[in-house]
Amino acid sequence: MTKVVSDRDSLMPHFAFPFRIGLRAKLMFLTGVLLSLVVTVLVALVSRKLHEIIVAENRTRGLAIAQLFGATNVNHLKAYQFLPIQQNALIAKDENQLSYVIVYDKEGRIVAHTADFGALFSTAAEPESRNHSASGQIIFQERTSPPFLNEAEERYFEIFLPVTAPESPKQWGTIQLGISFAPMEKVLLQTQIYLYGLGILSLSVGLVLAASLATRITTPIQKMAEASLQAARGDLSVRIQVLSGDELETLAGNFNYMIEQIKTHQEARIRAEKAAAVGNLVNSIVHDCRTPLTVIKGYATFLYDTALPLEKARECLNFINLEVERLEKMVEEILEYPVAGRSTMRLEVAILDEFLRECCLGIRALLQGSSIRLEQDLKSHAKVLLDPDKMRRAVLNLVANALEAIQGEGTIRISSEILNSTSVIKISDSGTGIPEELKSNLFEPFFTHGKAQGHGLGMSITKSIVEGHSGSISFESFPGRGTTFLISLPIAAKALISPKAVQAARSS
């Protein structure tokens, strides 16, 4: 199937696949991609929002713990009672599930440490911790390692809170709390697993629904595609039934209506073609009836005007009877056409020169009362395969045209010969010739080329008869010097051993 893309289609965005796949697979693939993107974005957004919520909650919770711890131990800091502070730090760590608690006095020394007792009464080893503890500001930050040695790396949320007394803004110390991210990450991981599970479930349901929808869409399309192929093969009885209640049902109805209209128009066209074919046949036979009628009229006039011996009169009556029989055959041909569907060829092997001599007898009747001479030069001596009645009509049509072309005295010459292993009939006249501008249209139907009488069918009929005998017709014409028509026919021996030629002739 060749694919044709319109300009409108080329401007529309579409998804290009590297290989040809069906609409159902495309729909399921695109549904899977879309749902996967939606789940991925949803998990990312939910994880980010949940992270923000947990950080805010830990900030609020850690600040409350630090403030409570500071209020509880401010007096111990003022009195340099460090042992209670250490004990309270251990208690606060355990009760509040903190990672570590570090307390600095107003000089910046560590007076309580829940993770590294060796660091007591020393300054913080990290410059960052020393700076934050001395800044006198509340600081929130995230870090990936604890502010002491011999601990594995882990993400922490850290708070620095200066400790002041209610009666004075003086800073008596700083509290440093560390809250591990591990519980939060566990919650995040569980949430992500839950969301991915929900996404997989949604993807499965979506694919099932997509497959169902694709089947609902593609099944009618496949039916229409198959029906279109059947219609293209000539089966116009095909119909499709879609009960979807949507545009597809409308499309199927329109398809059935289109096929019905095509069938109706085709039947009407066939009837018109048959009528036209019958009309053409009738026109051609009516056209050719003129010649036998002219012959009959000529012999009848000759009998009426001339006192002939009985034998000569019988000869004229035989010619009249022969022409009447030809007219009867033409009428039978009209009656047979609607049944056979074509004009039937009754081919038989005939000696070409004898056939032409019989034609000349009728031609002489046409020439009676005129100043035109008929000459014969028959030297073919060949057998040909022909339908005598139809070929005689072709020859007489050419002679009738020659009579119209000759003004006053003139000559019509009938000759035959073998040329290049082909039998050739030559019909020449001494008439005015055919104008150059008319030669290309000479064999076209209804081309009268200026005749006062006639319907322009003679030459078209003649060409059809000759080609029906597997022959060809051509002409040579020079203004003022006459015209010669050449009819080439296969020799009977060759025609008989060529079934295709015989079949072609019989089916014309």
Protein backbone atom coordinates (compact mmCIF):
# COMPACT_ATOMS: atom_id res chain seq x y z
CA MET A 1 0.00 0.00 0.00
CA THR A 2 1.36 3.21 -1.14
CA LYS A 3 0.99 5.95 1.38
CA VAL A 4 -0.16 9.41 0.18
CA VAL A 5 0.37 12.41 2.57
CA SER A 6 -1.57 15.62 1.93
CA ASP A 7 -0.27 19.10 2.65
CA ARG A 8 -2.71 19.38 5.52
CA ASP A 9 -1.45 16.16 7.08
CA SER A 10 2.17 17.26 6.73
CA LEU A 11 1.43 20.35 8.85
CA MET A 12 -0.18 18.39 11.69
CA PRO A 13 2.08 17.21 14.54
CA HIS A 14 2.29 13.46 14.81
CA PHE A 15 4.35 10.85 16.57
CA ALA A 16 6.74 9.17 14.14
CA PHE A 17 7.40 5.48 14.78
CA PRO A 18 10.52 3.87 13.31
CA PHE A 19 8.47 0.91 12.12
CA ARG A 20 4.88 0.20 11.22
CA ILE A 21 2.70 -0.78 14.16
CA GLY A 22 -1.04 -0.95 14.59
CA LEU A 23 -3.30 1.72 16.03
CA ARG A 24 -4.07 -0.47 19.05
CA ALA A 25 -0.41 -0.89 19.92
CA LYS A 26 0.20 2.83 19.41
CA LEU A 27 -2.66 3.76 21.72
CA MET A 28 -1.50 1.35 24.42
CA PHE A 29 2.10 2.51 24.07
CA LEU A 30 1.17 6.18 24.32
CA THR A 31 -1.14 5.45 27.27
CA GLY A 32 1.68 3.60 29.06
CA VAL A 33 4.13 6.43 28.40
CA LEU A 34 1.65 9.07 29.56
CA LEU A 35 0.72 7.20 32.75
CA SER A 36 4.40 6.53 33.51
CA LEU A 37 5.20 10.23 33.13
CA VAL A 38 2.24 11.16 35.33
CA VAL A 39 3.28 8.69 38.06
CA THR A 40 6.91 9.83 37.92
CA VAL A 41 5.97 13.51 38.18
CA LEU A 42 3.45 12.74 40.93
CA VAL A 43 6.03 10.81 42.97
CA ALA A 44 8.56 13.64 42.53
CA LEU A 45 6.09 16.33 43.55
CA VAL A 46 4.74 14.36 46.52
CA SER A 47 8.27 13.50 47.69
CA ARG A 48 9.33 17.12 47.49
CA LYS A 49 6.24 18.34 49.31
CA LEU A 50 6.56 15.66 51.96
CA HIS A 51 10.22 16.60 52.45
CA GLU A 52 9.24 20.22 52.95
CA ILE A 53 6.54 19.23 55.43
CA ILE A 54 8.89 17.02 57.44
CA VAL A 55 11.62 19.68 57.47
CA ALA A 56 9.12 22.29 58.68
CA GLU A 57 7.82 19.91 61.31
CA ASN A 58 11.35 19.09 62.50
CA ARG A 59 12.19 22.78 62.57
CA THR A 60 9.17 23.54 64.74
CA ARG A 61 9.72 20.51 66.92
CA GLY A 62 13.48 21.06 67.29
CA LEU A 63 13.03 24.75 68.11
CA ALA A 64 10.47 23.89 70.82
CA ILE A 65 12.80 21.26 72.31
CA ALA A 66 15.75 23.66 72.21
CA GLN A 67 13.74 26.48 73.80
CA LEU A 68 12.44 24.21 76.56
CA PHE A 69 15.91 22.81 77.17
CA GLY A 70 17.37 26.33 77.29
CA ALA A 71 14.75 27.59 79.73
CA THR A 72 15.38 24.56 81.95
CA ASN A 73 19.16 24.91 82.00
CA VAL A 74 19.73 28.68 81.83
CA ASN A 75 20.22 28.91 85.56
CA HIS A 76 22.73 26.03 85.49
CA LEU A 77 24.67 27.90 82.82
CA LYS A 78 24.61 31.06 84.88
CA ALA A 79 25.86 29.15 87.96
CA TYR A 80 28.39 27.05 85.96
CA GLN A 81 26.64 23.87 87.09
CA PHE A 82 27.58 21.69 84.15
CA LEU A 83 26.78 18.19 85.49
CA PRO A 84 23.01 18.80 85.59
CA ILE A 85 23.23 20.18 82.07
CA GLN A 86 24.92 16.98 80.86
CA GLN A 87 22.31 14.83 82.54
CA ASN A 88 19.45 16.90 81.12
CA ALA A 89 21.04 16.64 77.67
CA LEU A 90 21.09 12.83 77.83
CA ILE A 91 17.50 12.79 79.01
CA ALA A 92 16.37 15.21 76.27
CA LYS A 93 18.16 13.13 73.62
CA ASP A 94 16.45 9.92 74.64
CA GLU A 95 13.00 11.37 75.25
CA ASN A 96 12.90 13.31 72.02
CA GLN A 97 14.75 10.78 69.82
CA LEU A 98 17.50 13.27 68.97
CA SER A 99 20.74 12.29 67.30
CA TYR A 100 22.86 14.48 69.56
CA VAL A 101 22.70 17.41 71.98
CA ILE A 102 25.66 19.80 72.46
CA VAL A 103 25.62 22.73 74.90
CA TYR A 104 28.10 25.62 74.80
CA ASP A 105 28.66 28.12 77.67
CA LYS A 106 29.01 31.82 77.10
CA GLU A 107 32.78 31.40 76.46
CA GLY A 108 32.10 28.89 73.69
CA ARG A 109 33.25 25.79 75.58
CA ILE A 110 31.37 22.53 75.31
CA VAL A 111 29.75 21.84 78.67
CA ALA A 112 27.45 19.01 77.57
CA HIS A 113 27.83 16.48 74.77
CA THR A 114 25.69 13.35 74.33
CA ALA A 115 27.97 11.65 71.77
CA ASP A 116 31.56 12.60 72.62
CA PHE A 117 32.35 12.98 76.32
CA GLY A 118 36.00 13.65 75.49
CA ALA A 119 35.06 16.95 73.93
CA LEU A 120 33.75 18.38 77.22
CA PHE A 121 35.26 21.72 78.37
CA SER A 122 36.89 22.28 74.98
CA THR A 123 35.90 24.45 72.12
CA ALA A 124 34.22 23.00 69.06
CA ALA A 125 36.61 21.40 66.61
CA GLU A 126 34.67 22.71 63.59
CA PRO A 127 35.02 26.39 62.76
CA GLU A 128 31.43 26.36 61.52
CA SER A 129 30.12 25.16 64.88
CA ARG A 130 32.26 27.73 66.76
CA ASN A 131 30.95 30.51 64.55
CA HIS A 132 27.32 29.46 64.85
CA SER A 133 27.52 29.07 68.63
CA ALA A 134 28.98 32.55 69.02
CA SER A 135 26.66 34.25 66.51
CA GLY A 136 23.79 34.71 68.96
CA GLN A 137 21.25 33.82 66.20
CA ILE A 138 18.85 30.94 65.63
CA ILE A 139 20.30 28.85 62.79
CA PHE A 140 18.70 25.98 60.88
CA GLN A 141 20.73 23.85 58.45
CA GLU A 142 21.12 20.41 56.87
CA ARG A 143 24.37 18.51 56.90
CA THR A 144 25.65 15.09 55.79
CA SER A 145 27.98 14.34 58.74
CA PRO A 146 27.81 14.87 62.53
CA PRO A 147 29.96 17.60 64.17
CA PHE A 148 32.17 15.02 65.85
CA LEU A 149 34.43 12.17 64.86
CA ASN A 150 33.97 8.39 64.73
CA GLU A 151 30.39 8.55 63.35
CA ALA A 152 29.15 7.30 59.97
CA GLU A 153 28.01 9.87 57.46
CA GLU A 154 24.32 10.55 57.65
CA ARG A 155 22.03 13.41 56.79
CA TYR A 156 21.10 15.61 59.74
CA PHE A 157 18.84 18.58 60.43
CA GLU A 158 20.66 20.87 62.84
CA ILE A 159 19.50 23.78 65.09
CA PHE A 160 21.60 26.39 66.89
CA LEU A 161 19.64 28.30 69.60
CA PRO A 162 21.21 30.97 71.86
CA VAL A 163 20.21 30.67 75.55
CA THR A 164 19.11 33.88 77.29
CA ALA A 165 17.49 34.68 80.63
CA PRO A 166 14.02 36.27 80.78
CA GLU A 167 15.27 39.25 82.72
CA SER A 168 18.24 39.97 80.45
CA PRO A 169 19.03 39.61 76.72
CA LYS A 170 22.54 38.47 77.55
CA GLN A 171 23.57 35.16 75.93
CA TRP A 172 24.54 32.61 78.55
CA GLY A 173 25.22 29.80 76.14
CA THR A 174 24.14 27.98 72.94
CA ILE A 175 22.26 24.74 72.37
CA GLN A 176 23.08 22.63 69.29
CA LEU A 177 20.53 19.89 68.43
CA GLY A 178 20.93 17.25 65.70
CA ILE A 179 17.93 15.40 64.26
CA SER A 180 18.57 12.46 61.88
CA PHE A 181 16.95 12.37 58.47
CA ALA A 182 16.73 8.57 58.58
CA PRO A 183 13.15 8.40 59.89
CA MET A 184 12.08 11.02 57.35
CA GLU A 185 13.80 9.18 54.51
CA LYS A 186 12.11 5.98 55.63
CA VAL A 187 8.73 7.70 55.46
CA LEU A 188 9.65 9.14 52.06
CA LEU A 189 10.70 5.73 50.78
CA GLN A 190 7.50 4.12 52.03
CA THR A 191 5.47 6.88 50.44
CA GLN A 192 7.33 6.51 47.15
CA ILE A 193 6.84 2.72 47.20
CA TYR A 194 3.15 3.26 47.86
CA LEU A 195 2.87 5.80 45.06
CA TYR A 196 4.78 3.60 42.61
CA GLY A 197 2.55 0.68 43.53
CA LEU A 198 -0.47 2.86 42.97
CA GLY A 199 1.08 3.99 39.68
CA ILE A 200 1.65 0.40 38.53
CA LEU A 201 -1.94 -0.41 39.39
CA SER A 202 -3.11 2.69 37.53
CA LEU A 203 -0.88 1.77 34.59
CA SER A 204 -2.34 -1.74 34.47
CA VAL A 205 -5.89 -0.45 34.64
CA GLY A 206 -5.06 2.24 32.07
CA LEU A 207 -3.58 -0.30 29.65
CA VAL A 208 -6.64 -2.52 30.01
CA LEU A 209 -8.92 0.44 29.38
CA ALA A 210 -6.70 1.59 26.51
CA ALA A 211 -6.81 -1.89 24.98
CA SER A 212 -10.58 -1.93 25.33
CA LEU A 213 -10.90 1.55 23.84
CA ALA A 214 -8.44 0.69 21.06
CA THR A 215 -10.44 -2.45 20.24
CA ARG A 216 -13.60 -0.40 20.21
CA ILE A 217 -11.98 2.04 17.77
CA THR A 218 -9.88 -0.28 15.61
CA THR A 219 -12.43 -3.05 15.10
CA PRO A 220 -14.81 -0.83 13.08
CA ILE A 221 -11.83 0.66 11.23
CA GLN A 222 -10.58 -2.83 10.33
CA LYS A 223 -14.07 -3.74 9.16
CA MET A 224 -14.17 -0.66 6.97
CA ALA A 225 -10.68 -1.37 5.63
CA GLU A 226 -11.65 -4.94 4.69
CA ALA A 227 -14.94 -3.74 3.23
CA SER A 228 -13.09 -1.11 1.19
CA LEU A 229 -10.83 -3.80 -0.27
CA GLN A 230 -13.85 -5.95 -1.13
CA ALA A 231 -15.52 -2.97 -2.77
CA ALA A 232 -12.31 -2.20 -4.68
CA ARG A 233 -12.37 -5.78 -6.00
CA GLY A 234 -15.88 -5.17 -7.32
CA ASP A 235 -18.01 -6.63 -4.50
CA LEU A 236 -20.49 -3.82 -3.86
CA SER A 237 -22.77 -6.01 -1.73
CA VAL A 238 -20.49 -5.60 1.28
CA ARG A 239 -21.94 -3.77 4.29
CA ILE A 240 -20.61 -3.19 7.81
CA GLN A 241 -22.54 -2.89 11.07
CA VAL A 242 -21.18 -0.83 13.99
CA LEU A 243 -23.37 -0.24 17.06
CA SER A 244 -21.12 2.02 19.12
CA GLY A 245 -23.48 4.98 19.39
CA ASP A 246 -20.76 7.45 18.49
CA GLU A 247 -18.94 8.92 15.49
CA LEU A 248 -17.73 5.46 14.43
CA GLU A 249 -21.31 4.30 13.99
CA THR A 250 -21.98 7.43 11.94
CA LEU A 251 -18.86 6.75 9.86
CA ALA A 252 -19.95 3.16 9.24
CA GLY A 253 -23.39 4.39 8.18
CA ASN A 254 -21.81 6.89 5.81
CA PHE A 255 -19.59 4.11 4.40
CA ASN A 256 -22.61 1.89 3.75
CA TYR A 257 -24.42 4.81 2.14
CA MET A 258 -21.39 5.52 -0.04
CA ILE A 259 -21.21 1.89 -1.22
CA GLU A 260 -24.95 1.93 -1.91
CA GLN A 261 -24.59 5.11 -3.97
CA ILE A 262 -21.60 3.69 -5.86
CA LYS A 263 -23.58 0.55 -6.62
CA THR A 264 -26.57 2.61 -7.79
CA HIS A 265 -24.42 4.83 -9.99
CA GLN A 266 -22.50 1.87 -11.35
CA GLU A 267 -25.70 0.07 -12.30
CA ALA A 268 -26.97 3.25 -13.93
CA ARG A 269 -23.65 3.68 -15.74
CA ILE A 270 -23.73 0.06 -16.95
CA ARG A 271 -27.27 0.53 -18.24
CA ALA A 272 -26.23 3.76 -19.95
CA GLU A 273 -23.17 2.09 -21.47
CA LYS A 274 -25.27 -0.80 -22.71
CA ALA A 275 -27.80 1.60 -24.17
CA ALA A 276 -24.99 3.64 -25.75
CA ALA A 277 -23.40 0.48 -27.14
CA VAL A 278 -26.71 -0.64 -28.62
CA GLY A 279 -27.21 2.86 -29.96
CA ASN A 280 -23.78 2.85 -31.57
CA LEU A 281 -24.45 -0.56 -33.09
CA VAL A 282 -27.81 0.62 -34.42
CA ASN A 283 -26.21 3.77 -35.82
CA SER A 284 -23.47 1.77 -37.52
CA ILE A 285 -25.92 -0.73 -39.02
CA VAL A 286 -28.35 1.98 -40.10
CA HIS A 287 -25.39 3.76 -41.66
CA ASP A 288 -24.33 0.59 -43.47
CA CYS A 289 -27.89 -0.15 -44.58
CA ARG A 290 -27.58 2.67 -47.06
CA THR A 291 -25.20 0.71 -49.28
CA PRO A 292 -27.40 -2.41 -49.70
CA LEU A 293 -30.42 -0.17 -50.24
CA THR A 294 -28.50 1.77 -52.89
CA VAL A 295 -27.56 -1.51 -54.62
CA ILE A 296 -31.15 -2.74 -54.45
CA LYS A 297 -32.38 0.58 -55.79
CA GLY A 298 -29.82 0.47 -58.62
CA TYR A 299 -30.76 -3.03 -59.76
CA ALA A 300 -34.48 -2.31 -59.37
CA THR A 301 -34.13 0.84 -61.50
CA PHE A 302 -32.09 -1.11 -64.04
CA LEU A 303 -34.84 -3.78 -64.25
CA TYR A 304 -37.54 -1.15 -64.53
CA ASP A 305 -35.87 0.97 -67.20
CA THR A 306 -34.30 -1.74 -69.30
CA ALA A 307 -35.84 -4.66 -71.19
CA LEU A 308 -33.53 -7.49 -70.15
CA PRO A 309 -33.40 -11.11 -71.17
CA LEU A 310 -34.82 -13.51 -68.59
CA GLU A 311 -31.39 -14.81 -67.54
CA LYS A 312 -30.02 -11.27 -67.05
CA ALA A 313 -33.13 -10.26 -65.12
CA ARG A 314 -32.73 -13.28 -62.81
CA GLU A 315 -29.12 -12.28 -62.22
CA CYS A 316 -30.24 -8.81 -61.12
CA LEU A 317 -32.93 -10.32 -58.90
CA ASN A 318 -30.29 -12.59 -57.33
CA PHE A 319 -28.23 -9.50 -56.46
CA ILE A 320 -31.29 -7.84 -54.99
CA ASN A 321 -32.06 -10.98 -52.95
CA LEU A 322 -28.43 -11.11 -51.75
CA GLU A 323 -28.60 -7.50 -50.52
CA VAL A 324 -31.93 -8.20 -48.77
CA GLU A 325 -30.30 -11.14 -46.96
CA ARG A 326 -27.50 -8.84 -45.85
CA LEU A 327 -30.05 -6.39 -44.48
CA GLU A 328 -31.71 -9.26 -42.59
CA LYS A 329 -28.35 -10.21 -41.07
CA MET A 330 -27.83 -6.64 -39.93
CA VAL A 331 -31.23 -6.68 -38.19
CA GLU A 332 -30.37 -10.02 -36.56
CA GLU A 333 -27.11 -8.48 -35.35
CA ILE A 334 -29.10 -5.76 -33.56
CA LEU A 335 -31.34 -8.37 -31.91
CA GLU A 336 -28.38 -10.53 -30.85
CA TYR A 337 -26.39 -7.67 -29.32
CA PRO A 338 -28.27 -7.32 -25.98
CA VAL A 339 -27.83 -11.06 -25.36
CA ALA A 340 -24.24 -11.52 -26.50
CA GLY A 341 -23.08 -8.12 -25.25
CA ARG A 342 -21.08 -7.49 -28.42
CA SER A 343 -21.31 -7.73 -32.16
CA THR A 344 -20.47 -11.33 -33.09
CA MET A 345 -17.79 -12.09 -35.68
CA ARG A 346 -18.52 -15.05 -37.95
CA LEU A 347 -15.01 -15.75 -39.16
CA GLU A 348 -14.25 -18.10 -42.00
CA VAL A 349 -11.34 -18.76 -44.33
CA ALA A 350 -11.86 -17.05 -47.69
CA ILE A 351 -9.81 -16.42 -50.84
CA LEU A 352 -9.22 -12.67 -50.73
CA ASP A 353 -9.40 -12.08 -54.50
CA GLU A 354 -12.72 -13.93 -54.84
CA PHE A 355 -14.13 -11.97 -51.92
CA LEU A 356 -13.10 -8.70 -53.59
CA ARG A 357 -14.63 -9.77 -56.93
CA GLU A 358 -17.97 -10.29 -55.16
CA CYS A 359 -17.60 -6.85 -53.59
CA CYS A 360 -16.97 -5.36 -57.04
CA LEU A 361 -20.33 -6.69 -58.28
CA GLY A 362 -22.07 -4.57 -55.64
CA ILE A 363 -19.79 -1.64 -56.35
CA ARG A 364 -20.77 -1.69 -60.03
CA ALA A 365 -24.38 -1.31 -58.97
CA LEU A 366 -23.37 1.77 -56.98
CA LEU A 367 -21.61 3.20 -60.03
CA GLN A 368 -24.56 2.82 -62.40
CA GLY A 369 -25.56 6.15 -63.83
CA SER A 370 -22.22 7.78 -62.98
CA SER A 371 -19.08 8.67 -64.97
CA ILE A 372 -16.82 6.76 -62.59
CA ARG A 373 -14.94 3.68 -63.78
CA LEU A 374 -14.07 0.68 -61.62
CA GLU A 375 -10.70 -0.99 -62.15
CA GLN A 376 -9.50 -4.26 -60.63
CA ASP A 377 -5.98 -5.52 -60.08
CA LEU A 378 -6.33 -8.60 -57.90
CA LYS A 379 -3.13 -10.61 -57.46
CA SER A 380 -3.01 -11.59 -53.83
CA HIS A 381 -3.97 -15.26 -54.33
CA ALA A 382 -4.02 -15.52 -50.51
CA LYS A 383 -6.46 -17.00 -48.02
CA VAL A 384 -7.56 -14.79 -45.16
CA LEU A 385 -9.67 -15.24 -42.05
CA LEU A 386 -12.64 -12.85 -42.21
CA ASP A 387 -16.34 -12.23 -41.69
CA PRO A 388 -17.51 -11.65 -45.29
CA ASP A 389 -20.53 -9.50 -44.41
CA LYS A 390 -18.67 -7.17 -42.09
CA MET A 391 -15.57 -6.87 -44.25
CA ARG A 392 -17.81 -6.16 -47.25
CA ARG A 393 -19.39 -3.30 -45.23
CA ALA A 394 -15.91 -1.93 -44.55
CA VAL A 395 -14.93 -2.06 -48.24
CA LEU A 396 -18.20 -0.49 -49.40
CA ASN A 397 -17.86 2.31 -46.81
CA LEU A 398 -14.49 3.21 -48.32
CA VAL A 399 -15.93 3.06 -51.82
CA ALA A 400 -18.86 5.28 -50.77
CA ASN A 401 -16.39 7.88 -49.48
CA ALA A 402 -14.45 7.62 -52.74
CA LEU A 403 -17.65 8.31 -54.73
CA GLU A 404 -18.19 11.51 -52.72
CA ALA A 405 -14.56 12.58 -53.26
CA ILE A 406 -14.73 12.25 -57.06
CA GLN A 407 -16.35 15.18 -58.78
CA GLY A 408 -17.52 14.26 -62.28
CA GLU A 409 -15.44 11.67 -64.09
CA GLY A 410 -12.96 9.56 -62.21
CA THR A 411 -11.62 6.15 -61.34
CA ILE A 412 -11.88 3.80 -58.37
CA ARG A 413 -9.27 1.09 -58.30
CA ILE A 414 -9.53 -2.10 -56.20
CA SER A 415 -6.27 -4.07 -55.91
CA SER A 416 -4.72 -6.71 -53.70
CA GLU A 417 -1.24 -8.02 -53.09
CA ILE A 418 0.96 -9.75 -50.53
CA LEU A 419 3.29 -7.35 -48.77
CA ASN A 420 5.67 -8.50 -46.02
CA SER A 421 3.76 -11.77 -45.58
CA THR A 422 0.50 -9.85 -45.14
CA SER A 423 -2.50 -9.60 -47.47
CA VAL A 424 -3.14 -5.97 -48.42
CA ILE A 425 -6.31 -4.50 -49.94
CA LYS A 426 -5.88 -1.16 -51.71
CA ILE A 427 -8.84 1.07 -52.53
CA SER A 428 -7.74 4.10 -54.55
CA ASP A 429 -9.67 6.96 -56.04
CA SER A 430 -8.86 9.92 -58.26
CA GLY A 431 -10.76 12.37 -56.12
CA THR A 432 -9.82 15.66 -54.48
CA GLY A 433 -7.87 14.05 -51.64
CA ILE A 434 -8.09 14.62 -47.88
CA PRO A 435 -7.04 18.03 -46.51
CA GLU A 436 -4.03 17.90 -44.19
CA GLU A 437 -5.90 19.32 -41.21
CA LEU A 438 -8.48 16.48 -41.37
CA LYS A 439 -6.12 13.52 -41.50
CA SER A 440 -5.55 13.17 -37.74
CA ASN A 441 -9.30 12.98 -36.99
CA LEU A 442 -10.40 10.90 -39.93
CA PHE A 443 -11.22 7.71 -37.96
CA GLU A 444 -12.92 9.46 -35.03
CA PRO A 445 -16.66 8.77 -34.55
CA PHE A 446 -19.10 11.50 -35.66
CA PHE A 447 -16.36 13.34 -37.53
CA THR A 448 -18.16 14.41 -40.72
CA HIS A 449 -15.37 16.64 -42.07
CA GLY A 450 -17.80 19.02 -43.75
CA LYS A 451 -20.16 16.54 -45.41
CA ALA A 452 -23.62 17.80 -46.08
CA GLN A 453 -25.01 14.29 -45.53
CA GLY A 454 -23.91 11.61 -43.09
CA HIS A 455 -23.20 11.24 -39.37
CA GLY A 456 -19.43 10.70 -39.38
CA LEU A 457 -19.62 6.99 -38.54
CA GLY A 458 -18.37 5.35 -41.76
CA MET A 459 -14.63 5.57 -41.19
CA SER A 460 -14.96 4.75 -37.47
CA ILE A 461 -17.01 1.63 -38.29
CA THR A 462 -14.54 0.60 -40.99
CA LYS A 463 -11.58 0.91 -38.61
CA SER A 464 -13.44 -1.11 -35.93
CA ILE A 465 -14.24 -3.90 -38.41
CA VAL A 466 -10.66 -4.12 -39.68
CA GLU A 467 -9.17 -4.20 -36.19
CA GLY A 468 -11.74 -6.84 -35.27
CA HIS A 469 -10.06 -9.01 -37.94
CA SER A 470 -6.63 -8.46 -36.27
CA GLY A 471 -5.81 -6.15 -39.17
CA SER A 472 -4.91 -2.50 -39.60
CA ILE A 473 -6.00 0.34 -41.82
CA SER A 474 -4.04 3.33 -43.08
CA PHE A 475 -4.23 5.81 -45.91
CA GLU A 476 -2.19 7.99 -48.24
CA SER A 477 -3.71 11.14 -49.64
CA PHE A 478 -2.47 14.10 -51.67
CA PRO A 479 -4.68 17.10 -52.44
CA GLY A 480 -5.81 16.98 -56.07
CA ARG A 481 -4.31 13.49 -56.69
CA GLY A 482 -6.70 11.26 -54.77
CA THR A 483 -6.58 8.94 -51.81
CA THR A 484 -5.50 5.33 -51.26
CA PHE A 485 -6.71 3.27 -48.28
CA LEU A 486 -4.70 0.19 -47.31
CA ILE A 487 -6.27 -2.66 -45.32
CA SER A 488 -3.73 -5.19 -44.02
CA LEU A 489 -5.01 -8.64 -42.99
CA PRO A 490 -3.08 -11.63 -41.65
CA ILE A 491 -2.79 -14.56 -44.04
CA ALA A 492 -5.16 -17.36 -43.03
CA ALA A 493 -2.38 -19.91 -42.35
CA LYS A 494 -0.80 -17.62 -39.75
CA ALA A 495 -4.12 -16.55 -38.29
CA LEU A 496 -5.22 -20.15 -37.80
CA ILE A 497 -2.07 -21.08 -35.86
CA SER A 498 -2.39 -18.00 -33.64
CA PRO A 499 -5.24 -18.61 -31.19
CA LYS A 500 -4.82 -15.16 -29.68
CA ALA A 501 -5.43 -13.49 -33.04
CA VAL A 502 -8.53 -15.59 -33.70
CA GLN A 503 -9.87 -14.99 -30.18
CA ALA A 504 -9.23 -11.25 -30.45
CA ALA A 505 -11.08 -11.13 -33.75
CA ARG A 506 -14.07 -13.13 -32.48
CA SER A 507 -14.46 -11.08 -29.29
CA SER A 508 -14.33 -7.66 -30.99
